[in-house]
Amino acid sequence: METVFEMKIMTSNRFFYIAREIEAKGIQDDEVSLRRARELVHEYGENEQPGSPEVKNITVTCDGSWSKRGFVAKFCVVSVIHFDTGLVVDYQVLSKYCRICDKNKNTEGDWYAAHQPQCKKL
C-alpha cells in the first residue's frame, strides 16, 4: 500500500513527531500574535492615559472552556481578554491528561520525580 500512493505509513512515533512539530510552530505563531496584541493594548493605554507610568492599569476579562461538560473533560483553554479592545493578551491550555504518565503509570521507581517538572497534567 505504501508503494501505491508513495506515502509513508503513519506509525504512532511518526504521528507524535508530526504533532510536536505542529505544536512548536503553533507556539511560535502564538507568541508573535500575543506580542503584537500586547503592543496594541499598550498603545491603546498610551492614548487613554498619556504620561502615565510604564505599567498600565487595564481592565481584562477571563474566560475558560472545557472541551466537554462535566468531569470527563480532558482539556481546557483559559484566555485573558483586554476589555476595551477585545484582544487576547494571554491564554493557557490546561490538561488532565499526560501521555507519559499514562504510559508509565504501572512503572515502579522514581521516574515521576524526574518527569514532574515537564508534566502537562494539572
N, C-alpha and C. Protein backbone atom coordinates (compact mmCIF):
# COMPACT_ATOMS: atom_id res chain seq x y z
N MET A 1 0.82 -1.19 0.00
CA MET A 1 0.00 0.00 0.00
C MET A 1 0.87 1.26 0.00
N GLU A 2 1.97 1.22 0.71
CA GLU A 2 2.87 2.37 0.78
C GLU A 2 3.40 2.72 -0.61
N THR A 3 3.70 1.72 -1.41
CA THR A 3 4.27 1.98 -2.74
C THR A 3 3.22 2.47 -3.73
N VAL A 4 1.97 2.11 -3.54
CA VAL A 4 0.92 2.55 -4.46
C VAL A 4 0.75 4.07 -4.39
N PHE A 5 0.66 4.60 -3.18
CA PHE A 5 0.45 6.03 -3.00
C PHE A 5 1.74 6.80 -2.78
N GLU A 6 2.86 6.11 -2.70
CA GLU A 6 4.16 6.71 -2.44
C GLU A 6 4.13 7.58 -1.18
N MET A 7 3.48 7.05 -0.14
CA MET A 7 3.37 7.74 1.14
C MET A 7 3.91 6.84 2.24
N LYS A 8 4.47 7.45 3.26
CA LYS A 8 4.92 6.68 4.41
C LYS A 8 3.72 6.27 5.25
N ILE A 9 3.82 5.10 5.85
CA ILE A 9 2.78 4.65 6.76
C ILE A 9 2.86 5.49 8.03
N MET A 10 1.70 5.86 8.56
CA MET A 10 1.65 6.70 9.75
C MET A 10 1.75 5.82 11.00
N THR A 11 2.95 5.70 11.52
CA THR A 11 3.15 4.98 12.78
C THR A 11 2.85 5.93 13.93
N SER A 12 2.70 5.39 15.13
CA SER A 12 2.42 6.26 16.27
C SER A 12 3.61 7.19 16.55
N ASN A 13 4.83 6.69 16.37
CA ASN A 13 6.01 7.55 16.57
C ASN A 13 6.01 8.71 15.57
N ARG A 14 5.70 8.40 14.32
CA ARG A 14 5.65 9.45 13.29
C ARG A 14 4.54 10.45 13.60
N PHE A 15 3.38 9.94 14.03
CA PHE A 15 2.26 10.82 14.37
C PHE A 15 2.67 11.81 15.46
N PHE A 16 3.29 11.30 16.55
CA PHE A 16 3.67 12.17 17.65
C PHE A 16 4.80 13.11 17.26
N TYR A 17 5.68 12.69 16.35
CA TYR A 17 6.72 13.59 15.83
C TYR A 17 6.07 14.76 15.09
N ILE A 18 5.13 14.45 14.22
CA ILE A 18 4.43 15.50 13.45
C ILE A 18 3.64 16.40 14.40
N ALA A 19 2.98 15.80 15.39
CA ALA A 19 2.21 16.59 16.35
C ALA A 19 3.10 17.57 17.10
N ARG A 20 4.30 17.12 17.50
CA ARG A 20 5.24 18.01 18.20
C ARG A 20 5.70 19.14 17.28
N GLU A 21 5.94 18.83 16.00
CA GLU A 21 6.34 19.87 15.05
C GLU A 21 5.24 20.91 14.87
N ILE A 22 4.00 20.44 14.75
CA ILE A 22 2.87 21.36 14.61
C ILE A 22 2.71 22.20 15.87
N GLU A 23 2.86 21.57 17.03
CA GLU A 23 2.75 22.30 18.29
C GLU A 23 3.83 23.38 18.39
N ALA A 24 5.06 23.05 18.02
CA ALA A 24 6.16 24.02 18.08
C ALA A 24 5.88 25.21 17.17
N LYS A 25 5.39 24.96 15.96
CA LYS A 25 5.07 26.04 15.03
C LYS A 25 3.91 26.88 15.55
N GLY A 26 2.92 26.20 16.12
CA GLY A 26 1.79 26.92 16.69
C GLY A 26 2.20 27.82 17.84
N ILE A 27 3.11 27.34 18.68
CA ILE A 27 3.60 28.14 19.81
C ILE A 27 4.33 29.37 19.30
N GLN A 28 5.14 29.20 18.25
CA GLN A 28 5.85 30.36 17.66
C GLN A 28 4.85 31.39 17.16
N ASP A 29 3.84 30.93 16.42
CA ASP A 29 2.83 31.85 15.88
C ASP A 29 2.06 32.53 17.01
N ASP A 30 1.73 31.77 18.06
CA ASP A 30 1.02 32.34 19.20
C ASP A 30 1.83 33.43 19.87
N GLU A 31 3.12 33.19 20.04
CA GLU A 31 3.98 34.18 20.70
C GLU A 31 4.02 35.48 19.90
N VAL A 32 4.09 35.37 18.59
CA VAL A 32 4.09 36.56 17.73
C VAL A 32 2.76 37.30 17.86
N SER A 33 1.66 36.57 17.80
CA SER A 33 0.33 37.18 17.90
C SER A 33 0.11 37.83 19.26
N LEU A 34 0.49 37.14 20.32
CA LEU A 34 0.32 37.70 21.66
C LEU A 34 1.19 38.93 21.87
N ARG A 35 2.42 38.90 21.37
CA ARG A 35 3.30 40.06 21.49
C ARG A 35 2.67 41.27 20.79
N ARG A 36 2.13 41.05 19.60
CA ARG A 36 1.50 42.14 18.84
C ARG A 36 0.26 42.65 19.57
N ALA A 37 -0.56 41.75 20.10
CA ALA A 37 -1.76 42.16 20.83
C ALA A 37 -1.38 42.99 22.05
N ARG A 38 -0.34 42.57 22.76
CA ARG A 38 0.10 43.31 23.94
C ARG A 38 0.62 44.69 23.57
N GLU A 39 1.33 44.78 22.43
CA GLU A 39 1.81 46.08 21.96
C GLU A 39 0.63 47.00 21.65
N LEU A 40 -0.40 46.45 20.99
CA LEU A 40 -1.58 47.25 20.66
C LEU A 40 -2.31 47.72 21.92
N VAL A 41 -2.41 46.84 22.90
CA VAL A 41 -3.05 47.22 24.17
C VAL A 41 -2.22 48.31 24.86
N HIS A 42 -0.90 48.19 24.81
CA HIS A 42 -0.03 49.21 25.41
C HIS A 42 -0.22 50.55 24.69
N GLU A 43 -0.27 50.52 23.35
CA GLU A 43 -0.51 51.75 22.59
C GLU A 43 -1.87 52.34 22.93
N TYR A 44 -2.87 51.49 23.07
CA TYR A 44 -4.20 51.95 23.46
C TYR A 44 -4.13 52.64 24.83
N GLY A 45 -3.38 52.03 25.76
CA GLY A 45 -3.21 52.63 27.09
C GLY A 45 -2.50 53.96 27.04
N GLU A 46 -1.51 54.09 26.13
CA GLU A 46 -0.81 55.37 25.96
C GLU A 46 -1.78 56.45 25.51
N ASN A 47 -2.69 56.11 24.62
CA ASN A 47 -3.66 57.09 24.12
C ASN A 47 -4.69 57.44 25.19
N GLU A 48 -5.08 56.46 25.99
CA GLU A 48 -6.09 56.68 27.02
C GLU A 48 -5.51 57.31 28.29
N GLN A 49 -4.25 57.00 28.61
CA GLN A 49 -3.61 57.50 29.84
C GLN A 49 -2.24 58.10 29.50
N PRO A 50 -2.19 59.21 28.74
CA PRO A 50 -0.89 59.75 28.36
C PRO A 50 -0.08 60.20 29.58
N GLY A 51 1.22 59.93 29.52
CA GLY A 51 2.12 60.33 30.59
C GLY A 51 2.06 59.46 31.83
N SER A 52 1.27 58.41 31.79
CA SER A 52 1.19 57.53 32.97
C SER A 52 2.39 56.59 32.99
N PRO A 53 2.63 55.93 34.11
CA PRO A 53 3.81 55.05 34.21
C PRO A 53 3.79 53.92 33.19
N GLU A 54 4.94 53.25 33.08
CA GLU A 54 5.10 52.15 32.11
C GLU A 54 4.07 51.05 32.33
N VAL A 55 3.80 50.72 33.58
CA VAL A 55 2.82 49.68 33.89
C VAL A 55 1.43 50.30 33.85
N LYS A 56 0.59 49.79 33.01
CA LYS A 56 -0.75 50.33 32.83
C LYS A 56 -1.75 49.56 33.66
N ASN A 57 -2.76 50.26 34.14
CA ASN A 57 -3.90 49.60 34.75
C ASN A 57 -4.90 49.34 33.64
N ILE A 58 -5.09 48.08 33.32
CA ILE A 58 -6.03 47.75 32.26
C ILE A 58 -7.12 46.85 32.82
N THR A 59 -8.27 46.91 32.19
CA THR A 59 -9.38 46.06 32.58
C THR A 59 -9.39 44.86 31.66
N VAL A 60 -9.42 43.68 32.26
CA VAL A 60 -9.45 42.45 31.47
C VAL A 60 -10.62 41.59 31.93
N THR A 61 -10.97 40.67 31.10
CA THR A 61 -11.93 39.65 31.45
C THR A 61 -11.30 38.30 31.16
N CYS A 62 -11.63 37.32 31.96
CA CYS A 62 -11.09 35.98 31.77
C CYS A 62 -12.22 35.04 31.38
N ASP A 63 -11.92 34.13 30.49
CA ASP A 63 -12.91 33.15 30.06
C ASP A 63 -12.23 31.81 29.88
N GLY A 64 -12.88 30.78 30.32
CA GLY A 64 -12.34 29.43 30.18
C GLY A 64 -13.39 28.48 29.67
N SER A 65 -12.95 27.46 28.99
CA SER A 65 -13.89 26.49 28.44
C SER A 65 -13.25 25.11 28.43
N TRP A 66 -13.94 24.13 28.99
CA TRP A 66 -13.50 22.74 28.92
C TRP A 66 -14.00 22.14 27.63
N SER A 67 -13.30 21.12 27.14
CA SER A 67 -13.67 20.50 25.87
C SER A 67 -15.02 19.79 25.95
N LYS A 68 -15.42 19.36 27.15
CA LYS A 68 -16.72 18.71 27.35
C LYS A 68 -17.27 19.19 28.68
N ARG A 69 -18.56 19.05 28.85
CA ARG A 69 -19.16 19.39 30.13
C ARG A 69 -18.91 18.28 31.14
N GLY A 70 -18.92 18.65 32.39
CA GLY A 70 -18.78 17.65 33.44
C GLY A 70 -17.34 17.33 33.75
N PHE A 71 -17.15 16.23 34.44
CA PHE A 71 -15.83 15.85 34.93
C PHE A 71 -15.06 14.96 33.96
N VAL A 72 -15.63 14.66 32.81
CA VAL A 72 -14.94 13.78 31.86
C VAL A 72 -14.03 14.54 30.91
N ALA A 73 -14.11 15.87 30.92
CA ALA A 73 -13.30 16.68 30.01
C ALA A 73 -11.82 16.53 30.33
N LYS A 74 -11.01 16.51 29.30
CA LYS A 74 -9.56 16.36 29.48
C LYS A 74 -8.80 17.66 29.23
N PHE A 75 -9.36 18.58 28.45
CA PHE A 75 -8.64 19.79 28.07
C PHE A 75 -9.46 21.04 28.34
N CYS A 76 -8.78 22.11 28.70
CA CYS A 76 -9.42 23.40 28.97
C CYS A 76 -8.54 24.51 28.39
N VAL A 77 -9.18 25.56 27.91
CA VAL A 77 -8.46 26.74 27.46
C VAL A 77 -8.99 27.93 28.26
N VAL A 78 -8.09 28.70 28.84
CA VAL A 78 -8.44 29.90 29.58
C VAL A 78 -7.76 31.07 28.88
N SER A 79 -8.52 32.13 28.62
CA SER A 79 -7.93 33.29 27.95
C SER A 79 -8.18 34.56 28.76
N VAL A 80 -7.24 35.49 28.65
CA VAL A 80 -7.34 36.81 29.28
C VAL A 80 -7.54 37.80 28.14
N ILE A 81 -8.65 38.53 28.18
CA ILE A 81 -9.06 39.40 27.08
C ILE A 81 -9.10 40.84 27.56
N HIS A 82 -8.44 41.73 26.82
CA HIS A 82 -8.48 43.15 27.15
C HIS A 82 -9.90 43.65 26.92
N PHE A 83 -10.48 44.26 27.94
CA PHE A 83 -11.89 44.63 27.91
C PHE A 83 -12.22 45.62 26.80
N ASP A 84 -11.40 46.65 26.63
CA ASP A 84 -11.72 47.72 25.69
C ASP A 84 -11.50 47.33 24.23
N THR A 85 -10.46 46.56 23.95
CA THR A 85 -10.14 46.23 22.55
C THR A 85 -10.62 44.85 22.14
N GLY A 86 -10.86 43.96 23.11
CA GLY A 86 -11.26 42.59 22.78
C GLY A 86 -10.11 41.71 22.35
N LEU A 87 -8.88 42.19 22.52
CA LEU A 87 -7.70 41.41 22.12
C LEU A 87 -7.32 40.42 23.23
N VAL A 88 -6.96 39.21 22.83
CA VAL A 88 -6.47 38.22 23.78
C VAL A 88 -5.03 38.57 24.10
N VAL A 89 -4.74 38.84 25.37
CA VAL A 89 -3.39 39.22 25.78
C VAL A 89 -2.64 38.07 26.43
N ASP A 90 -3.34 37.01 26.79
CA ASP A 90 -2.69 35.82 27.33
C ASP A 90 -3.68 34.66 27.29
N TYR A 91 -3.15 33.45 27.31
CA TYR A 91 -4.00 32.27 27.38
C TYR A 91 -3.21 31.12 27.98
N GLN A 92 -3.92 30.12 28.42
CA GLN A 92 -3.28 28.93 28.98
C GLN A 92 -4.13 27.71 28.60
N VAL A 93 -3.47 26.67 28.13
CA VAL A 93 -4.14 25.41 27.84
C VAL A 93 -3.85 24.48 29.02
N LEU A 94 -4.91 23.94 29.58
CA LEU A 94 -4.78 23.05 30.73
C LEU A 94 -5.23 21.65 30.33
N SER A 95 -4.67 20.65 30.97
CA SER A 95 -4.98 19.27 30.63
C SER A 95 -5.02 18.40 31.88
N LYS A 96 -5.92 17.45 31.87
CA LYS A 96 -5.96 16.43 32.93
C LYS A 96 -5.25 15.17 32.47
N TYR A 97 -4.66 15.21 31.29
CA TYR A 97 -4.07 14.01 30.70
C TYR A 97 -2.61 14.26 30.35
N CYS A 98 -1.78 13.29 30.64
CA CYS A 98 -0.38 13.32 30.21
C CYS A 98 -0.07 11.95 29.63
N ARG A 99 0.34 11.92 28.39
CA ARG A 99 0.63 10.65 27.71
C ARG A 99 1.74 9.88 28.41
N ILE A 100 2.76 10.58 28.88
CA ILE A 100 3.89 9.91 29.54
C ILE A 100 3.44 9.30 30.87
N CYS A 101 2.65 10.04 31.64
CA CYS A 101 2.14 9.49 32.90
C CYS A 101 1.27 8.27 32.64
N ASP A 102 0.40 8.37 31.63
CA ASP A 102 -0.49 7.26 31.31
C ASP A 102 0.30 6.03 30.88
N LYS A 103 1.33 6.24 30.09
CA LYS A 103 2.14 5.13 29.59
C LYS A 103 2.94 4.46 30.71
N ASN A 104 3.38 5.23 31.70
CA ASN A 104 4.24 4.70 32.76
C ASN A 104 3.54 4.51 34.10
N LYS A 105 2.21 4.56 34.12
CA LYS A 105 1.51 4.53 35.40
C LYS A 105 1.78 3.28 36.23
N ASN A 106 2.10 2.16 35.60
CA ASN A 106 2.38 0.93 36.33
C ASN A 106 3.88 0.69 36.54
N THR A 107 4.70 1.65 36.16
CA THR A 107 6.15 1.51 36.29
C THR A 107 6.59 1.84 37.71
N GLU A 108 7.41 1.01 38.26
CA GLU A 108 7.97 1.24 39.60
C GLU A 108 9.15 2.20 39.49
N GLY A 109 9.46 2.86 40.57
CA GLY A 109 10.67 3.67 40.60
C GLY A 109 10.40 5.16 40.71
N ASP A 110 11.45 5.93 40.52
CA ASP A 110 11.39 7.37 40.70
C ASP A 110 11.22 8.13 39.39
N TRP A 111 10.65 7.52 38.38
CA TRP A 111 10.51 8.18 37.08
C TRP A 111 9.64 9.43 37.19
N TYR A 112 8.62 9.40 38.06
CA TYR A 112 7.70 10.54 38.15
C TYR A 112 8.39 11.79 38.69
N ALA A 113 9.29 11.63 39.65
CA ALA A 113 10.01 12.78 40.20
C ALA A 113 10.80 13.49 39.11
N ALA A 114 11.41 12.73 38.22
CA ALA A 114 12.16 13.33 37.11
C ALA A 114 11.23 13.93 36.06
N HIS A 115 10.06 13.32 35.90
CA HIS A 115 9.12 13.75 34.86
C HIS A 115 8.27 14.94 35.31
N GLN A 116 8.02 15.09 36.59
CA GLN A 116 7.08 16.08 37.11
C GLN A 116 7.31 17.51 36.62
N PRO A 117 8.54 18.03 36.53
CA PRO A 117 8.71 19.41 36.07
C PRO A 117 8.16 19.69 34.66
N GLN A 118 8.18 18.70 33.77
CA GLN A 118 7.65 18.93 32.42
C GLN A 118 6.30 18.27 32.19
N CYS A 119 5.69 17.71 33.25
CA CYS A 119 4.40 17.04 33.11
C CYS A 119 3.34 18.04 32.67
N LYS A 120 2.50 17.66 31.72
CA LYS A 120 1.48 18.55 31.18
C LYS A 120 0.15 18.44 31.92
N LYS A 121 0.08 17.51 32.87
CA LYS A 121 -1.18 17.27 33.58
C LYS A 121 -1.37 18.29 34.69
N LEU A 122 -2.62 18.66 34.95
CA LEU A 122 -2.95 19.58 36.04
C LEU A 122 -2.51 19.03 37.36
